[in-house]
Amino acid sequence: MSPLALLLAVVVTAGIFTVSRPPDAAAVSVSATIDTSVLNGVAAQLVYDFVDGNPASNSATVSAFTAPAAILGSSSPSDGVSGSLPGPVVFTENATSLVSELVQPMTLGGALSFRLDLTTNFDGPPGSVPDSFSFFILNSTGTDFLVVSDDPTDANALFRIDIVGPPEGIERAADFSAHTREDDAVPVTLTLGSPGGPGTPVPEAGALAFIVVGGLLIAWRTRRGFGRRGDTAHTVDPEFTKRGP
């Protein structure tokens, strides 16, 4: 083969491999704003849950937390969570449980906002169970939901974001409508990008992953004894621990 033909063969081969290689999973940022004005002065627990549903490894970071009219208490992190609000708080997959959780006591006032950074690794065909991140508002003792939502899985998340890998990176698990038990609206806004930026809406997730991850969250709360959160907030039932190597 002539030198020119050899060079062309190398260029073409390199181009094929470059085009066919899957894109790298890049981290994404989400800006979250929750308007709790209808609950001004009410004691609550903010709950952040990072669910390890997929074999791929991911992490989540909450930072830039602001709630000018609210009062923060002392937070309770589970295994796999480090840091405290206003952040950064880092959530990683832990060896003992499917859920890494931060419980933040707080007297609500006005709007609260924070930045959520997520890695976007995913292993498996489309529709496989993803890792995910959810947010809840409970009463001060953690025995009931202070804010409920139209989450069809009955997990009552104000929002849930699924990590689905390239090209989308993340998907919002439907557009939940959140409200108090008295049916007063608690508006939730999620946009891609840092707080204060122009942002774009987070895309919505597929139905199968939506149902499966919602089921995991319900099982997590049931096995932990949801009605007894208080002093047992981070006691993990052994039946809901990780299996395998």
Protein backbone atom coordinates (compact mmCIF):
# COMPACT_ATOMS: atom_id res chain seq x y z
CA MET A 1 0.00 0.00 0.00
CA SER A 2 1.34 3.42 -0.92
CA PRO A 3 2.05 5.94 1.86
CA LEU A 4 -0.85 8.12 0.67
CA ALA A 5 -3.30 5.20 0.67
CA LEU A 6 -2.08 4.17 4.14
CA LEU A 7 -2.60 7.72 5.44
CA LEU A 8 -6.12 7.85 4.02
CA ALA A 9 -6.95 4.49 5.59
CA VAL A 10 -5.76 5.71 9.00
CA VAL A 11 -7.77 8.95 8.71
CA VAL A 12 -10.96 7.15 7.64
CA THR A 13 -10.61 4.52 10.38
CA ALA A 14 -10.00 7.19 13.04
CA GLY A 15 -13.02 9.13 11.81
CA ILE A 16 -15.24 6.06 12.06
CA PHE A 17 -14.19 5.33 15.63
CA THR A 18 -14.54 9.00 16.60
CA VAL A 19 -18.06 9.24 15.22
CA SER A 20 -19.25 5.91 16.64
CA ARG A 21 -17.85 6.40 20.18
CA PRO A 22 -20.67 7.14 22.69
CA PRO A 23 -20.58 10.69 24.04
CA ASP A 24 -19.10 11.22 27.49
CA ALA A 25 -21.55 11.72 30.36
CA ALA A 26 -21.24 15.33 31.48
CA ALA A 27 -22.46 16.82 34.74
CA VAL A 28 -25.54 19.05 34.61
CA SER A 29 -26.85 21.81 36.86
CA VAL A 30 -30.46 22.41 37.84
CA SER A 31 -31.89 25.47 39.57
CA ALA A 32 -34.80 24.68 41.92
CA THR A 33 -37.15 27.24 43.49
CA ILE A 34 -40.01 26.29 45.84
CA ASP A 35 -42.42 29.00 47.01
CA THR A 36 -43.57 28.10 50.54
CA SER A 37 -45.21 31.46 51.27
CA VAL A 38 -48.50 29.76 52.19
CA LEU A 39 -46.63 28.00 55.02
CA ASN A 40 -44.83 31.00 56.52
CA GLY A 41 -43.80 30.31 60.12
CA VAL A 42 -44.57 26.58 59.95
CA ALA A 43 -41.94 24.14 61.25
CA ALA A 44 -41.02 21.49 58.68
CA GLN A 45 -38.41 19.01 57.50
CA LEU A 46 -36.88 19.35 54.04
CA VAL A 47 -35.88 15.91 52.77
CA TYR A 48 -33.41 15.34 49.93
CA ASP A 49 -33.19 11.73 48.65
CA PHE A 50 -30.56 10.39 46.24
CA VAL A 51 -31.60 6.91 45.01
CA ASP A 52 -29.05 4.42 43.67
CA GLY A 53 -31.21 2.61 41.13
CA ASN A 54 -28.67 2.02 38.35
CA PRO A 55 -25.37 0.07 38.20
CA ALA A 56 -23.53 3.19 36.98
CA SER A 57 -21.99 5.37 39.67
CA ASN A 58 -23.24 8.94 40.18
CA SER A 59 -23.19 11.74 42.70
CA ALA A 60 -25.28 14.81 43.47
CA THR A 61 -24.35 18.15 45.04
CA VAL A 62 -26.74 20.68 46.58
CA SER A 63 -25.32 24.18 46.94
CA ALA A 64 -26.26 27.87 46.91
CA PHE A 65 -29.22 27.20 49.22
CA THR A 66 -31.09 30.40 50.06
CA ALA A 67 -34.21 30.98 52.14
CA PRO A 68 -33.97 34.57 53.42
CA ALA A 69 -37.16 34.46 55.51
CA ALA A 70 -36.65 30.95 56.90
CA ILE A 71 -34.80 29.57 59.95
CA LEU A 72 -32.59 26.48 59.56
CA GLY A 73 -32.13 23.85 62.27
CA SER A 74 -29.44 21.17 62.57
CA SER A 75 -29.50 18.72 59.67
CA SER A 76 -29.35 14.91 59.86
CA PRO A 77 -27.38 13.23 57.05
CA SER A 78 -27.44 9.50 56.36
CA ASP A 79 -24.52 7.42 55.11
CA GLY A 80 -23.37 8.72 51.74
CA VAL A 81 -24.09 12.37 52.59
CA SER A 82 -21.51 14.95 53.67
CA GLY A 83 -21.84 18.67 54.35
CA SER A 84 -24.75 20.84 55.47
CA LEU A 85 -26.90 23.62 54.08
CA PRO A 86 -26.44 26.22 52.68
CA GLY A 87 -23.97 23.83 51.07
CA PRO A 88 -22.30 22.29 49.42
CA VAL A 89 -23.89 18.98 50.44
CA VAL A 90 -22.54 15.98 48.52
CA PHE A 91 -24.60 12.82 47.99
CA THR A 92 -22.80 9.64 46.92
CA GLU A 93 -23.87 6.04 46.56
CA ASN A 94 -23.26 4.24 49.85
CA ALA A 95 -22.46 0.61 50.57
CA THR A 96 -25.42 -0.20 52.81
CA SER A 97 -28.54 1.40 51.36
CA LEU A 98 -30.20 2.33 48.10
CA VAL A 99 -30.96 5.84 49.42
CA SER A 100 -28.62 8.58 50.62
CA GLU A 101 -30.67 11.18 52.48
CA LEU A 102 -30.42 14.60 54.10
CA VAL A 103 -33.13 15.72 56.55
CA GLN A 104 -33.08 19.48 57.19
CA PRO A 105 -35.36 20.92 59.93
CA MET A 106 -36.54 24.40 59.01
CA THR A 107 -39.13 27.02 59.90
CA LEU A 108 -40.54 27.94 56.52
CA GLY A 109 -40.77 31.49 55.19
CA GLY A 110 -41.22 32.69 51.64
CA ALA A 111 -39.38 31.03 48.79
CA LEU A 112 -36.37 28.73 49.04
CA SER A 113 -33.97 27.92 46.24
CA PHE A 114 -30.87 25.83 45.62
CA ARG A 115 -28.60 24.55 42.91
CA LEU A 116 -28.42 20.83 42.15
CA ASP A 117 -25.44 19.40 40.26
CA LEU A 118 -25.71 15.83 38.99
CA THR A 119 -23.30 13.54 37.19
CA THR A 120 -25.06 11.70 34.34
CA ASN A 121 -23.68 8.18 34.11
CA PHE A 122 -26.10 5.45 33.03
CA ASP A 123 -25.71 1.72 32.36
CA GLY A 124 -28.28 -0.28 30.42
CA PRO A 125 -30.78 0.06 27.57
CA PRO A 126 -33.30 2.94 27.46
CA GLY A 127 -36.00 2.39 30.05
CA SER A 128 -33.68 0.78 32.60
CA VAL A 129 -34.05 1.96 36.20
CA PRO A 130 -32.00 5.16 36.67
CA ASP A 131 -30.37 6.83 39.63
CA SER A 132 -32.57 9.71 40.78
CA PHE A 133 -32.86 12.71 43.08
CA SER A 134 -36.07 13.73 44.89
CA PHE A 135 -37.23 16.49 47.22
CA PHE A 136 -39.97 16.40 49.89
CA ILE A 137 -41.39 18.66 52.61
CA LEU A 138 -42.56 16.85 55.76
CA ASN A 139 -44.03 18.08 59.02
CA SER A 140 -41.72 18.97 61.91
CA THR A 141 -41.69 15.44 63.34
CA GLY A 142 -41.32 13.72 59.99
CA THR A 143 -44.50 11.70 60.52
CA ASP A 144 -46.52 13.06 57.59
CA PHE A 145 -46.21 15.10 54.41
CA LEU A 146 -46.66 18.82 54.99
CA VAL A 147 -46.71 19.33 51.22
CA VAL A 148 -48.31 16.70 48.99
CA SER A 149 -48.23 16.39 45.22
CA ASP A 150 -49.92 14.81 42.24
CA ASP A 151 -47.10 12.25 42.06
CA PRO A 152 -49.03 9.20 40.71
CA THR A 153 -46.70 6.80 42.56
CA ASP A 154 -47.95 8.33 45.87
CA ALA A 155 -44.38 9.14 46.94
CA ASN A 156 -45.47 12.82 47.24
CA ALA A 157 -42.20 14.19 45.88
CA LEU A 158 -42.29 17.88 44.98
CA PHE A 159 -39.97 16.89 42.17
CA ARG A 160 -37.86 13.96 41.04
CA ILE A 161 -35.03 14.05 38.52
CA ASP A 162 -33.85 10.85 36.83
CA ILE A 163 -30.28 10.42 35.58
CA VAL A 164 -30.61 8.86 32.12
CA GLY A 165 -27.17 9.41 30.56
CA PRO A 166 -26.30 11.00 27.19
CA PRO A 167 -27.61 12.76 25.25
CA GLU A 168 -30.27 14.20 27.59
CA GLY A 169 -28.32 13.57 30.79
CA ILE A 170 -31.33 14.05 33.08
CA GLU A 171 -35.11 13.99 32.87
CA ARG A 172 -37.77 15.39 35.17
CA ALA A 173 -40.17 12.68 36.35
CA ALA A 174 -43.33 14.47 35.18
CA ASP A 175 -44.64 17.87 36.20
CA PHE A 176 -45.95 17.35 39.73
CA SER A 177 -48.46 19.87 41.11
CA ALA A 178 -47.59 20.45 44.79
CA HIS A 179 -49.94 21.79 47.43
CA THR A 180 -50.72 21.73 51.15
CA ARG A 181 -53.32 19.46 52.73
CA GLU A 182 -55.65 22.48 52.53
CA ASP A 183 -55.02 22.58 48.76
CA ASP A 184 -52.99 25.82 48.78
CA ALA A 185 -50.53 25.75 45.90
CA VAL A 186 -46.79 25.38 46.54
CA PRO A 187 -45.22 26.36 43.19
CA VAL A 188 -42.08 24.50 42.12
CA THR A 189 -39.82 25.73 39.30
CA LEU A 190 -36.97 23.65 37.85
CA THR A 191 -34.67 24.93 35.11
CA LEU A 192 -31.39 23.78 33.66
CA GLY A 193 -28.51 26.05 34.67
CA SER A 194 -27.45 27.97 37.74
CA PRO A 195 -29.89 30.01 39.87
CA GLY A 196 -30.50 33.43 38.34
CA GLY A 197 -29.60 32.27 34.83
CA PRO A 198 -32.00 32.14 31.87
CA GLY A 199 -32.36 28.35 32.10
CA THR A 200 -34.55 25.95 30.11
CA PRO A 201 -37.17 23.49 31.41
CA VAL A 202 -35.91 20.07 32.49
CA PRO A 203 -37.19 17.40 30.02
CA GLU A 204 -39.69 14.82 31.28
CA ALA A 205 -38.95 11.13 31.92
CA GLY A 206 -40.43 7.99 30.38
CA ALA A 207 -43.29 6.15 32.09
CA LEU A 208 -41.56 2.87 33.06
CA ALA A 209 -38.61 4.42 34.89
CA PHE A 210 -41.01 6.89 36.49
CA ILE A 211 -43.09 4.11 38.05
CA VAL A 212 -40.16 1.93 39.15
CA VAL A 213 -38.23 4.70 40.91
CA GLY A 214 -41.41 5.95 42.56
CA GLY A 215 -41.95 2.44 43.87
CA LEU A 216 -38.43 2.36 45.31
CA LEU A 217 -39.08 5.58 47.23
CA ILE A 218 -42.34 4.26 48.66
CA ALA A 219 -40.65 0.99 49.69
CA TRP A 220 -37.82 2.98 51.33
CA ARG A 221 -40.22 5.00 53.46
CA THR A 222 -42.36 1.97 54.35
CA ARG A 223 -39.42 -0.17 55.45
CA ARG A 224 -37.89 2.67 57.46
CA GLY A 225 -41.13 3.15 59.37
CA PHE A 226 -42.27 6.45 57.84
CA GLY A 227 -44.67 7.21 60.68
CA ARG A 228 -41.81 6.92 63.18
CA ARG A 229 -39.23 9.09 61.40
CA GLY A 230 -38.31 11.18 64.50
CA ASP A 231 -35.55 9.37 66.41
CA THR A 232 -35.34 6.55 63.86
CA ALA A 233 -34.77 8.85 60.92
CA HIS A 234 -31.67 7.03 59.70
CA THR A 235 -32.28 3.48 60.85
CA VAL A 236 -32.15 1.40 57.67
CA ASP A 237 -34.17 -1.80 57.56
CA PRO A 238 -31.81 -4.68 56.56
CA GLU A 239 -34.34 -5.93 54.02
CA PHE A 240 -33.84 -2.73 52.03
CA THR A 241 -30.05 -2.80 51.95
CA LYS A 242 -27.96 -3.46 48.89
CA ARG A 243 -27.56 -7.01 47.64
CA GLY A 244 -24.70 -8.69 45.82
CA PRO A 245 -20.96 -7.96 45.80
